[in-house]
Amino acid sequence: MKKRVFYTELAYLLGILLCAVGVALMALADFGVSVIVAPAYLIFRHVSETLPFFTFGMAEYTLQACLLIALCLILRRFRWAYLFSFVTAVFYGLLLDLSTVLVASLPCTTILQRLLLYAVGMVLCSVGVSFMFHTYISPEVYELFVKSIAEKFGKPIPRVKIVYDCASCVVGVLLSFLFFGLWHFEGVKIGTVVCALLNGWLIGQSSRWFEQRFTFRDAFPWRPFFEGEQEKTAA
């Protein structure tokens, strides 16, 4: 089968969009968000009670800004390309807020409706992450943090990712107890566990499907900037 060309820049845009819509659907279903966004979700839920203008998207890029500062302190260096990861975070945050508004009118009263929304959201997030694996443009700060820490200490990225996800889960649980009362699980629920178990498999299946049908190519000559900075970071 002849493969069609799929531009990596389009993969970036679709990846961010699908992740934003997917997270909005999962939050609406209220079975628990993924571990990576749980801390931001809980901060949003708590702060928005006092400051109604504070959105989920704002919580996302505010937390990622703090994470980026922490990364620079740990690495003891700064790269201008790091800022584009924050730009990605802001772009994602804006799309997340827009998606939250758009999906708010969807029916979500019965268990079946909630399960359907959650399943669709989880699949969209997995497809979105798969798209992001096929682009050279800087990912969100979460992914940059994991990759940079792994390179700094010479550890495998999957192992660092597991540690980071576990830490995010623990932080999410602690924030839930702190903000909503001891043993009250908000944001981190059964759906969080299901997502953690299935997410990797879904991403793998999506990537395999894309790679069988498409050849990913660059539409613009921007790759050297991003990859050049990454090589400097690893050096």
Protein backbone atom coordinates (compact mmCIF):
# COMPACT_ATOMS: atom_id res chain seq x y z
CA MET A 1 0.00 0.00 0.00
CA LYS A 2 1.35 3.39 -1.02
CA LYS A 3 1.77 5.65 1.97
CA ARG A 4 0.47 9.20 1.98
CA VAL A 5 2.48 12.16 3.22
CA PHE A 6 1.52 13.54 6.62
CA TYR A 7 3.28 16.73 7.66
CA THR A 8 4.93 16.75 11.07
CA GLU A 9 3.78 20.30 11.78
CA LEU A 10 0.17 19.21 11.24
CA ALA A 11 0.83 16.26 13.56
CA TYR A 12 1.88 18.79 16.23
CA LEU A 13 -1.31 20.84 15.86
CA LEU A 14 -3.58 17.80 15.81
CA GLY A 15 -1.73 16.27 18.75
CA ILE A 16 -2.27 19.32 20.95
CA LEU A 17 -5.90 19.68 19.86
CA LEU A 18 -6.81 16.03 20.44
CA CYS A 19 -5.12 15.99 23.84
CA ALA A 20 -7.03 19.11 24.87
CA VAL A 21 -10.41 17.74 23.76
CA GLY A 22 -9.64 14.36 25.31
CA VAL A 23 -8.74 15.83 28.70
CA ALA A 24 -11.87 18.03 28.64
CA LEU A 25 -14.06 14.97 27.99
CA MET A 26 -12.37 12.96 30.74
CA ALA A 27 -12.78 15.80 33.22
CA LEU A 28 -16.47 16.13 32.28
CA ALA A 29 -17.04 12.39 32.78
CA ASP A 30 -15.59 12.73 36.31
CA PHE A 31 -14.04 9.27 36.58
CA GLY A 32 -10.62 10.79 37.21
CA VAL A 33 -8.11 12.47 34.91
CA SER A 34 -4.74 11.06 33.85
CA VAL A 35 -1.95 11.20 36.42
CA ILE A 36 0.05 13.75 34.44
CA VAL A 37 -2.69 16.41 34.55
CA ALA A 38 -4.09 15.52 37.99
CA PRO A 39 -2.07 18.14 39.97
CA ALA A 40 -3.09 20.95 37.59
CA TYR A 41 -6.73 19.80 37.65
CA LEU A 42 -6.84 19.84 41.45
CA ILE A 43 -5.18 23.26 41.64
CA PHE A 44 -7.78 24.53 39.17
CA ARG A 45 -10.67 23.05 41.16
CA HIS A 46 -9.42 24.60 44.40
CA VAL A 47 -8.29 28.03 43.19
CA SER A 48 -11.36 28.57 40.98
CA GLU A 49 -13.56 28.42 44.10
CA THR A 50 -11.95 31.69 45.21
CA LEU A 51 -10.97 33.10 41.81
CA PRO A 52 -13.71 32.15 39.31
CA PHE A 53 -11.67 33.41 36.35
CA PHE A 54 -8.92 30.85 37.03
CA THR A 55 -9.31 28.07 34.47
CA PHE A 56 -8.05 24.53 33.98
CA GLY A 57 -5.86 25.78 31.14
CA MET A 58 -4.36 28.51 33.34
CA ALA A 59 -3.55 25.92 35.99
CA GLU A 60 -1.83 23.81 33.33
CA TYR A 61 0.56 26.44 32.02
CA THR A 62 1.15 27.97 35.45
CA LEU A 63 2.22 24.60 36.83
CA GLN A 64 4.33 23.92 33.74
CA ALA A 65 6.05 27.30 34.15
CA CYS A 66 7.02 26.27 37.70
CA LEU A 67 8.21 22.91 36.40
CA LEU A 68 10.31 24.63 33.73
CA ILE A 69 11.97 26.84 36.37
CA ALA A 70 12.67 23.75 38.49
CA LEU A 71 14.19 22.01 35.46
CA CYS A 72 16.53 24.93 34.77
CA LEU A 73 17.63 24.94 38.43
CA ILE A 74 18.29 21.19 38.38
CA LEU A 75 20.21 21.33 35.09
CA ARG A 76 21.84 24.67 36.00
CA ARG A 77 21.35 25.90 32.47
CA PHE A 78 18.77 27.48 30.21
CA ARG A 79 18.05 26.97 26.51
CA TRP A 80 15.88 29.31 24.48
CA ALA A 81 14.19 26.29 22.94
CA TYR A 82 12.86 25.48 26.42
CA LEU A 83 10.58 28.48 26.05
CA PHE A 84 8.81 26.87 23.13
CA SER A 85 7.77 24.04 25.42
CA PHE A 86 6.07 26.71 27.51
CA VAL A 87 4.52 28.18 24.35
CA THR A 88 3.18 24.70 23.64
CA ALA A 89 1.81 24.57 27.20
CA VAL A 90 0.01 27.90 26.76
CA PHE A 91 -1.37 26.82 23.38
CA TYR A 92 -2.59 23.59 24.93
CA GLY A 93 -4.07 25.48 27.89
CA LEU A 94 -6.06 27.80 25.63
CA LEU A 95 -7.38 24.87 23.60
CA LEU A 96 -8.22 23.02 26.81
CA ASP A 97 -10.31 25.94 28.07
CA LEU A 98 -12.07 26.23 24.72
CA SER A 99 -12.71 22.49 24.65
CA THR A 100 -14.07 22.56 28.21
CA VAL A 101 -16.63 25.17 27.17
CA LEU A 102 -17.61 23.31 24.00
CA VAL A 103 -18.09 19.89 25.64
CA ALA A 104 -19.97 21.28 28.65
CA SER A 105 -23.30 20.95 26.82
CA LEU A 106 -22.83 17.23 26.09
CA PRO A 107 -25.19 14.90 27.98
CA CYS A 108 -23.38 13.53 31.02
CA THR A 109 -25.99 12.43 33.54
CA THR A 110 -26.08 8.63 33.33
CA ILE A 111 -23.24 6.20 34.04
CA LEU A 112 -23.35 5.00 30.42
CA GLN A 113 -22.99 8.54 29.06
CA ARG A 114 -20.09 9.23 31.41
CA LEU A 115 -18.37 5.97 30.47
CA LEU A 116 -18.72 6.79 26.77
CA LEU A 117 -17.31 10.30 27.23
CA TYR A 118 -14.42 8.96 29.27
CA ALA A 119 -13.59 6.24 26.74
CA VAL A 120 -13.67 8.70 23.83
CA GLY A 121 -11.54 11.16 25.80
CA MET A 122 -8.96 8.52 26.65
CA VAL A 123 -8.70 7.40 23.00
CA LEU A 124 -8.37 11.00 21.78
CA CYS A 125 -5.58 11.65 24.29
CA SER A 126 -3.74 8.52 23.16
CA VAL A 127 -4.05 9.45 19.48
CA GLY A 128 -2.92 12.99 20.32
CA VAL A 129 0.19 11.74 22.12
CA SER A 130 0.92 9.46 19.16
CA PHE A 131 0.81 12.47 16.85
CA MET A 132 3.20 14.31 19.16
CA PHE A 133 5.65 11.41 18.85
CA HIS A 134 5.79 12.13 15.11
CA THR A 135 6.76 15.79 15.26
CA TYR A 136 10.02 17.58 16.02
CA ILE A 137 8.35 20.63 17.60
CA SER A 138 8.87 21.02 21.34
CA PRO A 139 6.36 19.08 23.47
CA GLU A 140 4.85 20.34 26.71
CA VAL A 141 7.12 20.91 29.70
CA TYR A 142 6.07 17.58 31.23
CA GLU A 143 7.72 15.60 28.44
CA LEU A 144 10.71 17.98 28.28
CA PHE A 145 11.26 17.51 32.03
CA VAL A 146 11.28 13.71 31.79
CA LYS A 147 13.60 13.64 28.76
CA SER A 148 16.04 16.21 30.19
CA ILE A 149 16.25 14.57 33.63
CA ALA A 150 16.85 11.18 32.01
CA GLU A 151 19.71 12.65 29.95
CA LYS A 152 21.15 14.54 32.93
CA PHE A 153 21.43 11.47 35.15
CA GLY A 154 21.94 8.86 32.43
CA LYS A 155 18.73 6.97 33.15
CA PRO A 156 16.34 5.31 30.65
CA ILE A 157 13.48 7.61 29.68
CA PRO A 158 10.77 4.95 30.37
CA ARG A 159 12.08 4.50 33.93
CA VAL A 160 12.15 8.25 34.58
CA LYS A 161 8.64 8.53 33.08
CA ILE A 162 7.34 5.88 35.48
CA VAL A 163 8.88 7.70 38.45
CA TYR A 164 7.46 11.01 37.25
CA ASP A 165 3.97 9.54 36.73
CA CYS A 166 4.04 7.94 40.18
CA ALA A 167 5.15 11.24 41.71
CA SER A 168 2.33 13.08 39.90
CA CYS A 169 -0.17 10.52 41.19
CA VAL A 170 1.07 10.93 44.78
CA VAL A 171 0.97 14.73 44.48
CA GLY A 172 -2.55 14.50 43.05
CA VAL A 173 -3.76 12.34 45.95
CA LEU A 174 -2.13 14.64 48.52
CA LEU A 175 -3.67 17.73 46.91
CA SER A 176 -7.06 16.02 46.87
CA PHE A 177 -6.80 15.30 50.61
CA LEU A 178 -5.52 18.82 51.32
CA PHE A 179 -8.14 20.68 49.28
CA PHE A 180 -11.21 18.46 49.69
CA GLY A 181 -10.67 16.53 52.92
CA LEU A 182 -8.86 13.40 54.07
CA TRP A 183 -9.72 10.26 52.07
CA HIS A 184 -11.70 12.32 49.55
CA PHE A 185 -10.41 11.38 46.10
CA GLU A 186 -11.01 14.15 43.59
CA GLY A 187 -9.42 13.99 40.14
CA VAL A 188 -7.57 10.76 40.95
CA LYS A 189 -10.16 7.98 40.71
CA ILE A 190 -10.73 4.58 39.12
CA GLY A 191 -10.53 6.10 35.63
CA THR A 192 -7.02 7.32 36.43
CA VAL A 193 -5.94 3.72 37.06
CA VAL A 194 -7.65 2.47 33.89
CA CYS A 195 -6.01 5.23 31.87
CA ALA A 196 -2.57 4.38 33.30
CA LEU A 197 -3.03 0.71 32.36
CA LEU A 198 -4.36 1.25 28.82
CA ASN A 199 -2.70 4.47 27.71
CA GLY A 200 0.61 2.96 26.61
CA TRP A 201 -1.12 0.22 24.60
CA LEU A 202 -3.48 2.70 22.92
CA ILE A 203 -0.60 4.99 21.99
CA GLY A 204 1.29 2.04 20.52
CA GLN A 205 -1.70 0.92 18.45
CA SER A 206 -2.28 4.46 17.17
CA SER A 207 1.37 4.90 16.19
CA ARG A 208 1.40 1.56 14.40
CA TRP A 209 -1.76 2.47 12.44
CA PHE A 210 -0.31 5.84 11.39
CA GLU A 211 3.06 4.43 10.38
CA GLN A 212 1.43 1.77 8.20
CA ARG A 213 -0.46 4.41 6.22
CA PHE A 214 1.56 7.62 6.33
CA THR A 215 5.07 8.91 5.80
CA PHE A 216 5.75 11.80 8.16
CA ARG A 217 7.64 14.66 6.52
CA ASP A 218 8.43 18.27 7.39
CA ALA A 219 6.60 21.03 5.54
CA PHE A 220 8.91 23.78 6.86
CA PRO A 221 12.70 23.92 7.45
CA TRP A 222 12.39 24.40 11.22
CA ARG A 223 13.70 21.03 12.43
CA PRO A 224 17.40 22.09 12.80
CA PHE A 225 16.45 24.74 15.36
CA PHE A 226 14.62 22.30 17.62
CA GLU A 227 16.94 19.34 17.15
CA GLY A 228 20.02 21.53 17.38
CA GLU A 229 18.89 22.78 20.77
CA GLN A 230 18.12 19.25 21.92
CA GLU A 231 21.61 18.10 20.97
CA LYS A 232 23.13 20.99 22.92
CA THR A 233 21.00 20.05 25.91
CA ALA A 234 22.18 16.44 25.77
CA ALA A 235 25.84 17.46 25.43
